[in-house]
C-alpha cells in the first residue's frame, strides 16, 4: 500500500529509457534478460546450462544470473540498494523469475542475510523483500535460518579480504531438511565468496540440494 501511495506522490522513471510508471519498463527489461553468456558463477569458466562447472558443483548444484552489472541493470540495483527505491524489489524479483525455470514444489528460498548497518541505512532488508516476492509468485516458502555471525562490510575490500570475511560470516539456526531444495538468493556476485560460504553453511546444516540465483555479476576492479 505504501509503495502504491508513493507512486502517485513521486512517480518512478524507468532506469533505462526514463519512461514514467515503474523503475523498469518492459522494453528495457527484455534488453537485460535477452542474452547472457553462461559461465560458472564461482570460477567464471565456461559451463553448461546448470550455471556451475563440475569443479565447483560440490558447493551448489545449479545457478542462475540475470545479467552483468552494467548499464540499466547497474542503475536499477544502485537505486534499490543505495537510493532507497524500495519498490524496485518487484522489478528485480521479476528479472530473477524470468531467468528461473519451474522449481520443485518443496523449494525453500533463502535470502543471503544483509549486514545490519545496511538495513538501518536503507530502512529495509533488500534481499528479504525480493525473496518474499518470489515466494508469493511461485507459491514457495522462505527460510531465514541463514544468519550473519559477523557484520563486516565488503565494499572496497580486495578479493583476498572478501574470502577471509566470507569464510566466517555465516551460520545456520538449527538443522535443515535434506529432502528439500534450498534456493540461495543474493544481489551481486563479485568474487563468489559470499555465495560459496553461505552455501557451505547450508550444507553443513544438512542441506543436500542447494541452488543459487543472483541478480548480477561484476568483476572486482
C-alpha atoms as a PDB file:
ATOM      1  CA  UNK A   1       0.000   0.000   0.000  1.00  0.00           C
ATOM      2  CA  UNK A   2       2.833   2.397   0.884  1.00  0.00           C
ATOM      3  CA  UNK A   3       4.527   1.719  -2.468  1.00  0.00           C
ATOM      4  CA  UNK A   4       1.285   2.443  -4.335  1.00  0.00           C
ATOM      5  CA  UNK A   5       0.792   5.728  -2.448  1.00  0.00           C
ATOM      6  CA  UNK A   6       4.374   6.807  -3.110  1.00  0.00           C
ATOM      7  CA  UNK A   7       3.990   6.064  -6.815  1.00  0.00           C
ATOM      8  CA  UNK A   8       1.404   8.874  -7.000  1.00  0.00           C
ATOM      9  CA  UNK A   9       3.386  11.308  -4.850  1.00  0.00           C
ATOM     10  CA  UNK A  10       6.752  10.623  -6.510  1.00  0.00           C
ATOM     11  CA  UNK A  11       6.277   8.574  -9.703  1.00  0.00           C
ATOM     12  CA  UNK A  12       9.136   6.314 -10.757  1.00  0.00           C
ATOM     13  CA  UNK A  13      11.054   6.596 -14.004  1.00  0.00           C
ATOM     14  CA  UNK A  14      12.454   3.650 -15.942  1.00  0.00           C
ATOM     15  CA  UNK A  15      16.146   3.124 -15.199  1.00  0.00           C
ATOM     16  CA  UNK A  16      16.743   2.548 -18.900  1.00  0.00           C
ATOM     17  CA  UNK A  17      14.657   4.936 -21.003  1.00  0.00           C
ATOM     18  CA  UNK A  18      13.150   7.306 -18.432  1.00  0.00           C
ATOM     19  CA  UNK A  19       9.546   6.320 -19.134  1.00  0.00           C
ATOM     20  CA  UNK A  20       7.208   7.270 -16.280  1.00  0.00           C
ATOM     21  CA  UNK A  21       5.476   4.438 -14.451  1.00  0.00           C
ATOM     22  CA  UNK A  22       7.973   1.999 -12.980  1.00  0.00           C
ATOM     23  CA  UNK A  23      11.684   1.676 -12.301  1.00  0.00           C
ATOM     24  CA  UNK A  24      11.994  -0.715 -15.269  1.00  0.00           C
ATOM     25  CA  UNK A  25       9.703  -0.783 -18.305  1.00  0.00           C
ATOM     26  CA  UNK A  26       9.017  -3.953 -20.293  1.00  0.00           C
ATOM     27  CA  UNK A  27      11.201  -2.961 -23.242  1.00  0.00           C
ATOM     28  CA  UNK A  28      14.247  -2.292 -21.081  1.00  0.00           C
ATOM     29  CA  UNK A  29      13.603  -5.449 -19.064  1.00  0.00           C
ATOM     30  CA  UNK A  30      13.852  -7.597 -22.171  1.00  0.00           C
ATOM     31  CA  UNK A  31      17.076  -5.857 -23.142  1.00  0.00           C
ATOM     32  CA  UNK A  32      18.569  -7.064 -19.831  1.00  0.00           C
ATOM     33  CA  UNK A  33      17.419 -10.675 -19.989  1.00  0.00           C
ATOM     34  CA  UNK A  34      17.846 -11.125 -23.724  1.00  0.00           C
ATOM     35  CA  UNK A  35      21.303 -12.715 -23.649  1.00  0.00           C
ATOM     36  CA  UNK A  36      23.828 -13.811 -21.046  1.00  0.00           C
ATOM     37  CA  UNK A  37      26.973 -15.837 -21.631  1.00  0.00           C
ATOM     38  CA  UNK A  38      26.754 -18.865 -19.355  1.00  0.00           C
ATOM     39  CA  UNK A  39      29.868 -19.229 -17.248  1.00  0.00           C
ATOM     40  CA  UNK A  40      30.353 -20.721 -13.792  1.00  0.00           C
ATOM     41  CA  UNK A  41      29.139 -18.311 -11.153  1.00  0.00           C
ATOM     42  CA  UNK A  42      32.118 -19.100  -8.930  1.00  0.00           C
ATOM     43  CA  UNK A  43      35.173 -19.565 -11.148  1.00  0.00           C
ATOM     44  CA  UNK A  44      33.959 -17.921 -14.400  1.00  0.00           C
ATOM     45  CA  UNK A  45      34.886 -20.963 -16.503  1.00  0.00           C
ATOM     46  CA  UNK A  46      32.572 -21.800 -19.438  1.00  0.00           C
ATOM     47  CA  UNK A  47      29.915 -24.298 -18.366  1.00  0.00           C
ATOM     48  CA  UNK A  48      26.613 -25.765 -19.448  1.00  0.00           C
ATOM     49  CA  UNK A  49      23.104 -24.638 -18.667  1.00  0.00           C
ATOM     50  CA  UNK A  50      23.493 -25.574 -14.994  1.00  0.00           C
ATOM     51  CA  UNK A  51      25.434 -22.335 -14.415  1.00  0.00           C
ATOM     52  CA  UNK A  52      28.134 -24.070 -12.399  1.00  0.00           C
ATOM     53  CA  UNK A  53      31.104 -26.106 -13.636  1.00  0.00           C
ATOM     54  CA  UNK A  54      31.940 -29.643 -12.481  1.00  0.00           C
ATOM     55  CA  UNK A  55      34.837 -28.425 -10.352  1.00  0.00           C
ATOM     56  CA  UNK A  56      32.535 -26.116  -8.350  1.00  0.00           C
ATOM     57  CA  UNK A  57      29.392 -28.280  -8.262  1.00  0.00           C
ATOM     58  CA  UNK A  58      30.238 -29.606  -4.806  1.00  0.00           C
ATOM     59  CA  UNK A  59      29.370 -26.119  -3.455  1.00  0.00           C
ATOM     60  CA  UNK A  60      25.966 -25.874  -5.151  1.00  0.00           C
ATOM     61  CA  UNK A  61      24.316 -27.776  -7.992  1.00  0.00           C
ATOM     62  CA  UNK A  62      22.716 -25.135 -10.190  1.00  0.00           C
ATOM     63  CA  UNK A  63      22.938 -21.362 -10.600  1.00  0.00           C
ATOM     64  CA  UNK A  64      21.217 -18.556 -12.475  1.00  0.00           C
ATOM     65  CA  UNK A  65      22.223 -14.938 -13.006  1.00  0.00           C
ATOM     66  CA  UNK A  66      20.092 -12.189 -14.558  1.00  0.00           C
ATOM     67  CA  UNK A  67      22.979 -10.310 -16.186  1.00  0.00           C
ATOM     68  CA  UNK A  68      26.185  -8.368 -15.832  1.00  0.00           C
ATOM     69  CA  UNK A  69      26.204  -5.373 -13.514  1.00  0.00           C
ATOM     70  CA  UNK A  70      26.354  -2.613 -16.095  1.00  0.00           C
ATOM     71  CA  UNK A  71      24.040  -0.229 -17.915  1.00  0.00           C
ATOM     72  CA  UNK A  72      20.369  -0.393 -16.945  1.00  0.00           C
ATOM     73  CA  UNK A  73      20.801  -3.264 -14.501  1.00  0.00           C
ATOM     74  CA  UNK A  74      23.567  -1.418 -12.663  1.00  0.00           C
ATOM     75  CA  UNK A  75      21.383   1.687 -12.338  1.00  0.00           C
ATOM     76  CA  UNK A  76      18.400  -0.303 -11.108  1.00  0.00           C
ATOM     77  CA  UNK A  77      20.430  -2.209  -8.493  1.00  0.00           C
ATOM     78  CA  UNK A  78      22.030   1.060  -7.386  1.00  0.00           C
ATOM     79  CA  UNK A  79      18.668   2.775  -6.936  1.00  0.00           C
ATOM     80  CA  UNK A  80      17.349  -0.148  -4.914  1.00  0.00           C
ATOM     81  CA  UNK A  81      20.395  -0.577  -2.671  1.00  0.00           C
ATOM     82  CA  UNK A  82      21.694   2.953  -2.266  1.00  0.00           C
ATOM     83  CA  UNK A  83      18.878   5.389  -3.130  1.00  0.00           C
ATOM     84  CA  UNK A  84      16.074   3.818  -1.060  1.00  0.00           C
ATOM     85  CA  UNK A  85      13.900   2.930  -4.057  1.00  0.00           C
ATOM     86  CA  UNK A  86      12.157   0.205  -2.076  1.00  0.00           C
ATOM     87  CA  UNK A  87       9.543  -0.575  -4.705  1.00  0.00           C
ATOM     88  CA  UNK A  88      12.219  -1.812  -7.127  1.00  0.00           C
ATOM     89  CA  UNK A  89      12.122  -5.194  -5.369  1.00  0.00           C
ATOM     90  CA  UNK A  90       9.282  -6.110  -7.713  1.00  0.00           C
ATOM     91  CA  UNK A  91      11.178  -5.329 -10.919  1.00  0.00           C
ATOM     92  CA  UNK A  92      14.312  -7.077  -9.642  1.00  0.00           C
ATOM     93  CA  UNK A  93      12.234 -10.023  -8.444  1.00  0.00           C
ATOM     94  CA  UNK A  94      10.602 -10.282 -11.867  1.00  0.00           C
ATOM     95  CA  UNK A  95      14.027 -10.344 -13.526  1.00  0.00           C
ATOM     96  CA  UNK A  96      15.019 -13.322 -11.392  1.00  0.00           C
ATOM     97  CA  UNK A  97      11.679 -15.019 -12.031  1.00  0.00           C
ATOM     98  CA  UNK A  98      12.155 -14.645 -15.781  1.00  0.00           C
ATOM     99  CA  UNK A  99      15.539 -16.370 -15.503  1.00  0.00           C
ATOM    100  CA  UNK A 100      14.398 -19.235 -13.251  1.00  0.00           C
ATOM    101  CA  UNK A 101      12.845 -22.452 -14.583  1.00  0.00           C
ATOM    102  CA  UNK A 102       9.993 -24.266 -12.867  1.00  0.00           C
ATOM    103  CA  UNK A 103      11.180 -25.160  -9.370  1.00  0.00           C
ATOM    104  CA  UNK A 104      10.414 -28.248  -7.276  1.00  0.00           C
ATOM    105  CA  UNK A 105       7.335 -27.807  -5.083  1.00  0.00           C
ATOM    106  CA  UNK A 106       9.441 -28.234  -1.945  1.00  0.00           C
ATOM    107  CA  UNK A 107      11.944 -25.493  -2.834  1.00  0.00           C
ATOM    108  CA  UNK A 108      12.796 -23.174   0.056  1.00  0.00           C
ATOM    109  CA  UNK A 109      14.065 -19.666  -0.722  1.00  0.00           C
ATOM    110  CA  UNK A 110      16.967 -18.499   1.431  1.00  0.00           C
ATOM    111  CA  UNK A 111      17.999 -14.836   1.087  1.00  0.00           C
ATOM    112  CA  UNK A 112      21.622 -14.057   1.906  1.00  0.00           C
ATOM    113  CA  UNK A 113      21.309 -12.036   5.135  1.00  0.00           C
ATOM    114  CA  UNK A 114      22.173  -8.358   4.929  1.00  0.00           C
ATOM    115  CA  UNK A 115      24.613  -6.571   7.220  1.00  0.00           C
ATOM    116  CA  UNK A 116      22.518  -4.906   9.933  1.00  0.00           C
ATOM    117  CA  UNK A 117      24.097  -1.489   9.301  1.00  0.00           C
ATOM    118  CA  UNK A 118      22.917  -1.565   5.698  1.00  0.00           C
ATOM    119  CA  UNK A 119      19.382  -2.450   6.782  1.00  0.00           C
ATOM    120  CA  UNK A 120      19.316   0.582   9.075  1.00  0.00           C
ATOM    121  CA  UNK A 121      20.612   2.831   6.285  1.00  0.00           C
ATOM    122  CA  UNK A 122      18.023   1.652   3.739  1.00  0.00           C
ATOM    123  CA  UNK A 123      15.122   1.045   6.073  1.00  0.00           C
ATOM    124  CA  UNK A 124      14.596  -2.472   4.669  1.00  0.00           C
ATOM    125  CA  UNK A 125      16.380  -5.762   4.074  1.00  0.00           C
ATOM    126  CA  UNK A 126      16.648  -5.719   0.294  1.00  0.00           C
ATOM    127  CA  UNK A 127      17.060  -9.475  -0.263  1.00  0.00           C
ATOM    128  CA  UNK A 128      14.274 -10.419   2.139  1.00  0.00           C
ATOM    129  CA  UNK A 129      11.853  -8.265   0.157  1.00  0.00           C
ATOM    130  CA  UNK A 130      12.867  -9.949  -3.087  1.00  0.00           C
ATOM    131  CA  UNK A 131      12.717 -13.440  -1.555  1.00  0.00           C
ATOM    132  CA  UNK A 132       9.210 -12.867  -0.211  1.00  0.00           C
ATOM    133  CA  UNK A 133       8.065 -11.501  -3.564  1.00  0.00           C
ATOM    134  CA  UNK A 134       9.399 -14.508  -5.488  1.00  0.00           C
ATOM    135  CA  UNK A 135       7.911 -16.876  -2.905  1.00  0.00           C
ATOM    136  CA  UNK A 136       4.475 -15.318  -3.348  1.00  0.00           C
ATOM    137  CA  UNK A 137       4.689 -15.518  -7.137  1.00  0.00           C
ATOM    138  CA  UNK A 138       5.852 -19.158  -7.158  1.00  0.00           C
ATOM    139  CA  UNK A 139       3.908 -20.271  -4.061  1.00  0.00           C
ATOM    140  CA  UNK A 140       7.045 -21.353  -2.240  1.00  0.00           C
ATOM    141  CA  UNK A 141       8.303 -20.915   1.307  1.00  0.00           C
ATOM    142  CA  UNK A 142      11.081 -18.688   2.646  1.00  0.00           C
ATOM    143  CA  UNK A 143      13.586 -19.560   5.362  1.00  0.00           C
ATOM    144  CA  UNK A 144      15.609 -17.094   7.416  1.00  0.00           C
ATOM    145  CA  UNK A 145      17.685 -19.832   9.054  1.00  0.00           C
ATOM    146  CA  UNK A 146      20.859 -18.437   7.490  1.00  0.00           C
ATOM    147  CA  UNK A 147      22.276 -15.611   9.594  1.00  0.00           C
ATOM    148  CA  UNK A 148      25.370 -13.446   9.796  1.00  0.00           C
ATOM    149  CA  UNK A 149      27.870 -14.193  12.534  1.00  0.00           C
ATOM    150  CA  UNK A 150      29.843 -11.078  11.615  1.00  0.00           C
ATOM    151  CA  UNK A 151      28.851  -7.627  10.334  1.00  0.00           C
ATOM    152  CA  UNK A 152      31.822  -6.906   8.079  1.00  0.00           C
ATOM    153  CA  UNK A 153      31.091  -4.781   5.005  1.00  0.00           C
ATOM    154  CA  UNK A 154      32.711  -5.907   1.744  1.00  0.00           C
ATOM    155  CA  UNK A 155      32.688  -2.710  -0.305  1.00  0.00           C
ATOM    156  CA  UNK A 156      36.249  -1.672  -1.218  1.00  0.00           C
ATOM    157  CA  UNK A 157      37.606  -4.989   0.100  1.00  0.00           C
ATOM    158  CA  UNK A 158      40.106  -6.936  -2.025  1.00  0.00           C
ATOM    159  CA  UNK A 159      39.378 -10.446  -3.299  1.00  0.00           C
ATOM    160  CA  UNK A 160      41.555 -11.960  -0.561  1.00  0.00           C
ATOM    161  CA  UNK A 161      39.848  -9.864   2.126  1.00  0.00           C
ATOM    162  CA  UNK A 162      36.409 -10.881   0.850  1.00  0.00           C
ATOM    163  CA  UNK A 163      37.385 -14.540   1.018  1.00  0.00           C
ATOM    164  CA  UNK A 164      38.576 -14.227   4.624  1.00  0.00           C
ATOM    165  CA  UNK A 165      35.499 -12.236   5.653  1.00  0.00           C
ATOM    166  CA  UNK A 166      33.004 -14.591   3.995  1.00  0.00           C
ATOM    167  CA  UNK A 167      34.613 -17.730   5.413  1.00  0.00           C
ATOM    168  CA  UNK A 168      33.496 -16.817   8.936  1.00  0.00           C
ATOM    169  CA  UNK A 169      30.418 -14.735   8.098  1.00  0.00           C
ATOM    170  CA  UNK A 170      27.539 -17.241   8.097  1.00  0.00           C
ATOM    171  CA  UNK A 171      25.783 -19.657  10.378  1.00  0.00           C
ATOM    172  CA  UNK A 172      22.504 -21.582  10.286  1.00  0.00           C
ATOM    173  CA  UNK A 173      19.900 -21.782  13.037  1.00  0.00           C
ATOM    174  CA  UNK A 174      19.051 -25.420  13.659  1.00  0.00           C
ATOM    175  CA  UNK A 175      19.252 -28.194  11.087  1.00  0.00           C
ATOM    176  CA  UNK A 176      17.909 -28.325   7.524  1.00  0.00           C
ATOM    177  CA  UNK A 177      15.831 -30.952   5.724  1.00  0.00           C
ATOM    178  CA  UNK A 178      18.000 -32.909   3.303  1.00  0.00           C
ATOM    179  CA  UNK A 179      14.957 -33.723   1.153  1.00  0.00           C
ATOM    180  CA  UNK A 180      14.251 -30.089   0.291  1.00  0.00           C
ATOM    181  CA  UNK A 181      15.872 -27.893  -2.349  1.00  0.00           C
ATOM    182  CA  UNK A 182      17.293 -24.637  -0.995  1.00  0.00           C
ATOM    183  CA  UNK A 183      17.494 -21.715  -3.419  1.00  0.00           C
ATOM    184  CA  UNK A 184      20.028 -19.194  -2.150  1.00  0.00           C
ATOM    185  CA  UNK A 185      19.284 -15.624  -3.304  1.00  0.00           C
ATOM    186  CA  UNK A 186      21.773 -12.755  -3.491  1.00  0.00           C
ATOM    187  CA  UNK A 187      22.037  -9.460  -5.337  1.00  0.00           C
ATOM    188  CA  UNK A 188      25.564  -9.157  -6.750  1.00  0.00           C
ATOM    189  CA  UNK A 189      28.339 -11.723  -7.170  1.00  0.00           C
ATOM    190  CA  UNK A 190      31.859 -10.324  -7.402  1.00  0.00           C
ATOM    191  CA  UNK A 191      34.399 -12.927  -6.276  1.00  0.00           C
ATOM    192  CA  UNK A 192      31.783 -15.547  -5.375  1.00  0.00           C
ATOM    193  CA  UNK A 193      32.992 -15.748  -1.759  1.00  0.00           C
ATOM    194  CA  UNK A 194      29.653 -14.763  -0.219  1.00  0.00           C
ATOM    195  CA  UNK A 195      27.513 -17.338  -2.001  1.00  0.00           C
ATOM    196  CA  UNK A 196      30.205 -20.002  -1.643  1.00  0.00           C
ATOM    197  CA  UNK A 197      30.393 -19.756   2.133  1.00  0.00           C
ATOM    198  CA  UNK A 198      26.675 -19.153   2.544  1.00  0.00           C
ATOM    199  CA  UNK A 199      26.106 -22.386   0.593  1.00  0.00           C
ATOM    200  CA  UNK A 200      28.720 -24.189   2.683  1.00  0.00           C
ATOM    201  CA  UNK A 201      26.879 -23.124   5.838  1.00  0.00           C
ATOM    202  CA  UNK A 202      23.632 -24.556   4.458  1.00  0.00           C
ATOM    203  CA  UNK A 203      25.435 -27.757   3.509  1.00  0.00           C
ATOM    204  CA  UNK A 204      26.921 -28.112   6.995  1.00  0.00           C
ATOM    205  CA  UNK A 205      23.425 -27.757   8.484  1.00  0.00           C
ATOM    206  CA  UNK A 206      22.095 -30.678   6.448  1.00  0.00           C
ATOM    207  CA  UNK A 207      21.082 -29.264   3.045  1.00  0.00           C
ATOM    208  CA  UNK A 208      21.865 -31.682   0.213  1.00  0.00           C
ATOM    209  CA  UNK A 209      20.365 -29.781  -2.712  1.00  0.00           C
ATOM    210  CA  UNK A 210      21.500 -26.150  -2.974  1.00  0.00           C
ATOM    211  CA  UNK A 211      20.784 -23.897  -5.931  1.00  0.00           C
ATOM    212  CA  UNK A 212      21.683 -20.217  -6.365  1.00  0.00           C
ATOM    213  CA  UNK A 213      20.051 -17.250  -8.104  1.00  0.00           C
ATOM    214  CA  UNK A 214      21.618 -13.793  -8.258  1.00  0.00           C
ATOM    215  CA  UNK A 215      20.681 -10.516  -9.891  1.00  0.00           C
ATOM    216  CA  UNK A 216      24.063  -9.504 -11.306  1.00  0.00           C
ATOM    217  CA  UNK A 217      27.698 -10.383 -11.569  1.00  0.00           C
ATOM    218  CA  UNK A 218      30.570  -7.938 -11.683  1.00  0.00           C
ATOM    219  CA  UNK A 219      34.343  -8.019 -11.833  1.00  0.00           C
ATOM    220  CA  UNK A 220      36.436  -6.719  -8.976  1.00  0.00           C
ATOM    221  CA  UNK A 221      38.301  -3.615 -10.154  1.00  0.00           C
END
